[in-house]
Protein backbone atom coordinates (compact mmCIF):
# COMPACT_ATOMS: atom_id res chain seq x y z
CA MET A 1 113.75 125.26 102.60
CA THR A 2 109.95 124.18 100.92
CA ILE A 3 108.59 120.90 100.60
CA ILE A 4 110.00 120.75 96.86
CA LEU A 5 112.77 118.72 98.48
CA PHE A 6 111.03 115.68 98.55
CA VAL A 7 109.95 115.75 94.93
CA LEU A 8 113.60 116.28 93.85
CA MET A 9 115.74 113.02 91.96
CA ALA A 10 118.56 112.00 94.22
CA THR A 11 122.35 111.71 92.12
CA SER A 12 124.52 109.74 91.99
CA VAL A 13 126.99 111.58 94.01
CA HIS A 14 124.71 113.31 96.31
CA PRO A 15 122.15 110.14 97.41
CA ALA A 16 119.92 112.66 99.50
CA SER A 17 116.73 114.01 97.81
CA PHE A 18 118.23 117.94 97.17
CA ALA A 19 120.88 119.18 95.97
CA CYS A 20 124.17 118.49 98.25
CA ASN A 21 126.42 120.81 96.24
CA LYS A 22 124.50 123.75 96.78
CA GLY A 23 125.96 126.49 99.04
CA GLY A 24 124.15 127.59 101.67
CA LEU A 25 122.78 124.71 103.43
CA ALA A 26 121.05 124.61 107.08
CA PRO A 27 123.31 122.44 109.05
CA ASP A 28 120.47 120.04 109.39
CA GLU A 29 121.34 119.90 105.25
CA ARG A 30 124.21 119.50 106.05
CA THR A 31 124.12 116.32 108.22
CA VAL A 32 121.83 114.48 106.04
CA CYS A 33 124.73 115.43 102.93
CA LYS A 34 127.48 114.16 104.60
CA ASP A 35 125.54 110.31 106.63
CA PRO A 36 124.91 108.06 104.22
CA LEU A 37 122.57 106.27 106.38
CA LEU A 38 120.55 109.63 106.36
CA SER A 39 121.17 110.90 102.97
CA SER A 40 119.70 107.18 102.14
CA LEU A 41 116.43 107.86 104.48
CA ASP A 42 115.60 111.26 102.76
CA THR A 43 115.98 109.55 98.92
CA ARG A 44 113.66 106.53 100.41
CA LEU A 45 111.27 109.65 101.90
CA ALA A 46 110.75 111.22 98.42
CA GLU A 47 109.53 108.35 96.94
CA ILE A 48 107.14 107.26 100.18
CA HIS A 49 106.03 111.14 100.06
CA ALA A 50 105.09 110.86 96.37
CA LYS A 51 102.73 107.89 97.03
CA ALA A 52 101.01 109.85 100.00
CA LYS A 53 100.65 112.64 98.35
CA GLU A 54 98.19 110.35 95.67
CA ARG A 55 96.53 109.19 98.78
CA ASP A 56 95.56 112.13 100.91
CA PRO A 57 97.36 115.76 99.77
CA ASP A 58 96.73 117.96 103.05
CA LEU A 59 97.70 115.47 105.52
CA THR A 60 100.79 114.76 103.56
CA LEU A 61 101.47 118.21 103.31
CA GLU A 62 100.89 118.88 106.60
CA THR A 63 103.24 115.89 107.71
CA SER A 64 105.88 117.11 105.60
CA ARG A 65 106.21 120.46 107.25
CA ASP A 66 106.29 119.78 110.63
CA PHE A 67 109.16 117.32 109.81
CA LEU A 68 110.84 119.84 108.04
CA ALA A 69 110.56 122.04 111.10
CA ASP A 70 111.64 119.38 113.76
CA ARG A 71 114.64 118.75 111.65
CA LYS A 72 115.96 122.20 111.32
CA THR A 73 115.57 122.10 114.96
CA CYS A 74 118.20 119.67 115.14
CA GLY A 75 120.47 120.86 113.63
CA ALA A 76 123.67 119.15 113.62
CA ASN A 77 122.33 116.51 115.81
CA ARG A 78 122.61 112.99 113.75
CA ALA A 79 120.37 111.49 116.32
CA CYS A 80 118.08 113.69 116.17
CA VAL A 81 117.73 114.17 112.53
CA LEU A 82 117.56 110.11 112.18
CA ALA A 83 114.61 110.17 114.86
CA THR A 84 113.04 112.86 112.76
CA TYR A 85 113.56 110.41 109.78
CA VAL A 86 111.97 107.62 111.41
CA ALA A 87 108.90 109.20 112.46
CA VAL A 88 107.81 110.28 109.19
CA ILE A 89 108.36 107.79 106.97
CA GLU A 90 106.51 105.79 109.79
CA THR A 91 103.59 108.43 109.61
CA LEU A 92 103.77 108.89 105.61
CA GLY A 93 104.20 105.42 105.01
CA ASP A 94 104.90 102.46 107.04
CA LEU A 95 107.69 100.66 110.07
CA GLU A 96 108.33 97.91 107.23
CA ASP A 97 109.51 101.32 104.32
CA LEU A 98 112.42 101.56 107.20
CA PRO A 99 115.71 99.88 106.63
CA GLN A 100 115.43 96.60 109.01
CA ASP A 101 118.69 96.91 110.81
CA ILE A 102 117.38 100.56 112.04
CA THR A 103 116.29 100.40 115.90
CA ALA A 104 116.01 102.45 118.54
CA ASN A 105 119.79 101.37 119.80
CA THR A 106 120.58 102.97 115.87
CA ILE A 107 119.55 106.21 117.11
CA ALA A 108 120.49 105.95 120.78
CA GLY A 109 124.63 105.44 119.01
CA GLY A 110 125.09 103.19 122.37
CA ARG A 111 124.61 106.18 124.40
CA ALA A 112 121.59 104.92 126.12
CA LYS A 113 121.30 104.60 130.23
CA ALA A 114 118.68 103.42 132.63
CA SER A 115 116.21 106.60 133.29
CA PRO A 116 112.89 107.05 135.63
CA THR A 117 112.17 109.27 133.38
CA LEU A 118 111.27 109.95 129.39
CA PRO A 119 113.39 110.98 126.78
CA ALA A 120 112.14 115.09 126.28
CA LYS A 121 113.91 115.89 123.38
CA ILE A 122 113.79 114.92 119.78
CA GLY A 123 116.75 112.08 119.44
CA GLN A 124 116.70 111.56 123.01
CA CYS A 125 116.98 107.50 123.88
CA VAL A 126 116.58 105.90 127.60
CA GLU A 127 116.51 102.61 128.71
CA THR A 128 113.64 100.95 130.52
CA LYS A 129 111.89 98.38 131.03
CA VAL A 130 108.32 97.46 130.77
CA THR A 131 105.82 96.87 133.11
CA SER A 132 102.56 95.85 131.46
CA VAL A 133 101.70 94.45 128.05
CA HIS A 134 97.48 94.66 128.01
CA PRO A 135 94.93 95.26 125.36
CA ARG A 136 93.92 98.58 124.99
CA ILE A 137 89.92 97.89 125.52
CA GLY A 138 88.34 95.11 127.78
CA ASP A 139 88.80 93.67 130.93
CA ASN A 140 89.62 89.78 130.79
CA ASP A 141 91.99 88.40 133.20
CA PRO A 142 94.19 87.23 131.28
CA PRO A 143 93.33 88.56 127.83
CA LEU A 144 91.96 86.51 125.21
CA PRO A 145 94.23 86.73 121.96
CA GLU A 146 90.86 88.37 120.14
CA ASP A 147 91.15 91.22 122.37
CA TYR A 148 94.79 92.15 120.81
CA ASP A 149 92.81 92.69 118.09
CA SER A 150 91.08 96.10 118.76
CA GLY A 151 94.14 97.74 119.87
CA THR A 152 97.56 96.52 122.29
CA GLY A 153 98.85 99.18 125.47
CA ILE A 154 102.30 98.67 126.55
CA GLU A 155 104.02 100.02 129.30
CA PHE A 156 107.51 101.24 131.12
CA ALA A 157 108.93 101.63 134.17
CA ASN A 158 110.20 105.22 133.39
CA ASP A 159 105.97 105.96 133.07
CA GLY A 160 106.28 105.87 129.46
CA TYR A 161 103.44 103.98 128.03
CA GLN A 162 102.14 103.68 123.73
CA VAL A 163 99.17 102.45 122.33
CA SER A 164 98.10 101.09 118.63
CA TYR A 165 94.32 100.81 117.80
CA GLY A 166 95.57 97.63 115.86
CA ARG A 167 97.12 94.38 116.96
CA GLU A 168 101.18 94.59 117.44
CA GLU A 169 102.74 91.73 117.60
CA ALA A 170 105.86 93.15 118.96
CA LEU A 171 104.53 94.76 121.69
CA ILE A 172 102.15 91.10 122.32
CA ALA A 173 105.93 89.44 122.15
CA SER A 174 107.33 91.95 125.29
CA LYS A 175 107.19 90.64 128.77
CA PRO A 176 107.22 92.16 131.94
CA GLY A 177 110.92 92.82 132.85
CA ASP A 178 112.04 93.27 129.12
CA GLY A 179 114.65 95.81 128.71
CA VAL A 180 114.05 98.32 125.83
CA THR A 181 115.66 101.36 124.56
CA MET A 182 113.08 103.80 123.56
CA CYS A 183 113.55 107.39 121.86
CA LEU A 184 111.76 110.22 121.48
CA ILE A 185 111.06 110.76 117.88
CA SER A 186 107.67 113.51 117.26
CA LEU A 187 106.67 115.95 119.67
CA PRO A 188 103.00 117.21 118.51
CA HIS A 189 102.31 119.79 116.71
CA ARG A 190 99.13 123.43 117.36
CA CYS A 191 98.42 121.86 120.84
CA PRO A 192 96.26 123.94 123.01
CA PRO A 193 98.25 124.62 126.08
CA GLY A 194 98.90 122.01 128.52
CA ASP A 195 97.46 118.92 126.59
CA ASP A 196 100.78 117.58 124.91
CA ARG A 197 99.39 114.47 123.72
CA GLY A 198 100.70 112.65 120.65
CA ARG A 199 104.79 111.88 121.80
CA GLY A 200 105.61 109.77 119.25
CA TYR A 201 108.46 106.89 120.40
CA PHE A 202 110.37 104.62 118.85
CA THR A 203 111.07 101.59 121.02
CA THR A 204 113.25 98.34 120.91
CA ASN A 205 112.87 95.46 123.13
CA THR A 206 116.59 94.37 123.68
CA ARG A 207 115.50 90.22 124.51
CA THR A 208 113.29 90.16 121.08
CA GLY A 209 115.07 92.55 119.47
CA GLN A 210 111.07 93.96 117.88
CA SER A 211 110.43 97.22 117.75
CA TRP A 212 107.60 99.22 117.13
CA ALA A 213 107.28 102.95 116.45
CA MET A 214 104.00 104.87 117.88
CA GLY A 215 101.92 107.23 120.32
CA ASP A 216 101.24 108.18 123.84
CA SER A 217 97.36 108.28 123.85
CA GLN A 218 95.18 106.95 121.35
CA HIS A 219 94.11 110.35 119.55
CA MET A 220 96.73 113.41 119.29
CA CYS A 221 96.73 116.84 121.70
CA GLY A 222 93.20 118.70 121.30
CA GLY A 223 91.66 115.08 120.54
CA ARG A 224 92.58 114.91 116.95
C-alpha cells in the first residue's frame, strides 16, 4: 500500500482513511478496519498528515513511510498497530491530537507486568517506577523551576530514560517511586550499526494519570 492511503476520504461505513471493502487487505489493514478506535485514528491521521505535508513534505513522507513499514510488521497484533498510530500522530502532529482517554494502558490492554527491562518490540508494555526527574541540563540541587525550560529528563527503575528539549509538565509532576506503564511505540530507522538511539516510548503515570511520548535520547541514531 502506498502513501496514498493518507489522502483518501473516509466513508460512513468504513471510517478508516482507506477502502476497507476491497479485497487483498494485509493483516494490519484488516486489523484497522475491524477496530473502531484504530479506524478513527487512521481517519484523524489523514487530517494530520495533510497539514504536516504543507509544513515539511520531505519529513512527512519519510515519517509516513516508516509508519507504514512498522504497521505492516505488526500484522494483526492490535497493540502493535495502536502503538504505531500513537507514534506517528505524535510525530506529525502533537500528543494532544490523540483522544484524551488513550494512555499507555490502552496499548497494554491491562496486560502490562512489572519488568526490570525495557519493552523490546513495538506495542510491548511494562510496568516500572520513576527513579529521577531532572532538567535536561544544569546542575542546581535542587533544580530551580526555570532549569526545566531547557528540557526535561526522566529515569526509570528498568534503566529506561526519556528526554525532551522542552519543559514537560507531566514529567515535572512525576515523583520518584511513582508507578508507570511504559510502551515501546517506535524504533529508529536507517541507523548505523550498533546505534539504536531514538526509540520512542509512550508512558503513563499511574498516580497522576498523565501521559507523555518521547524518545530515549537527545538525538536520533547517527546523531540526527
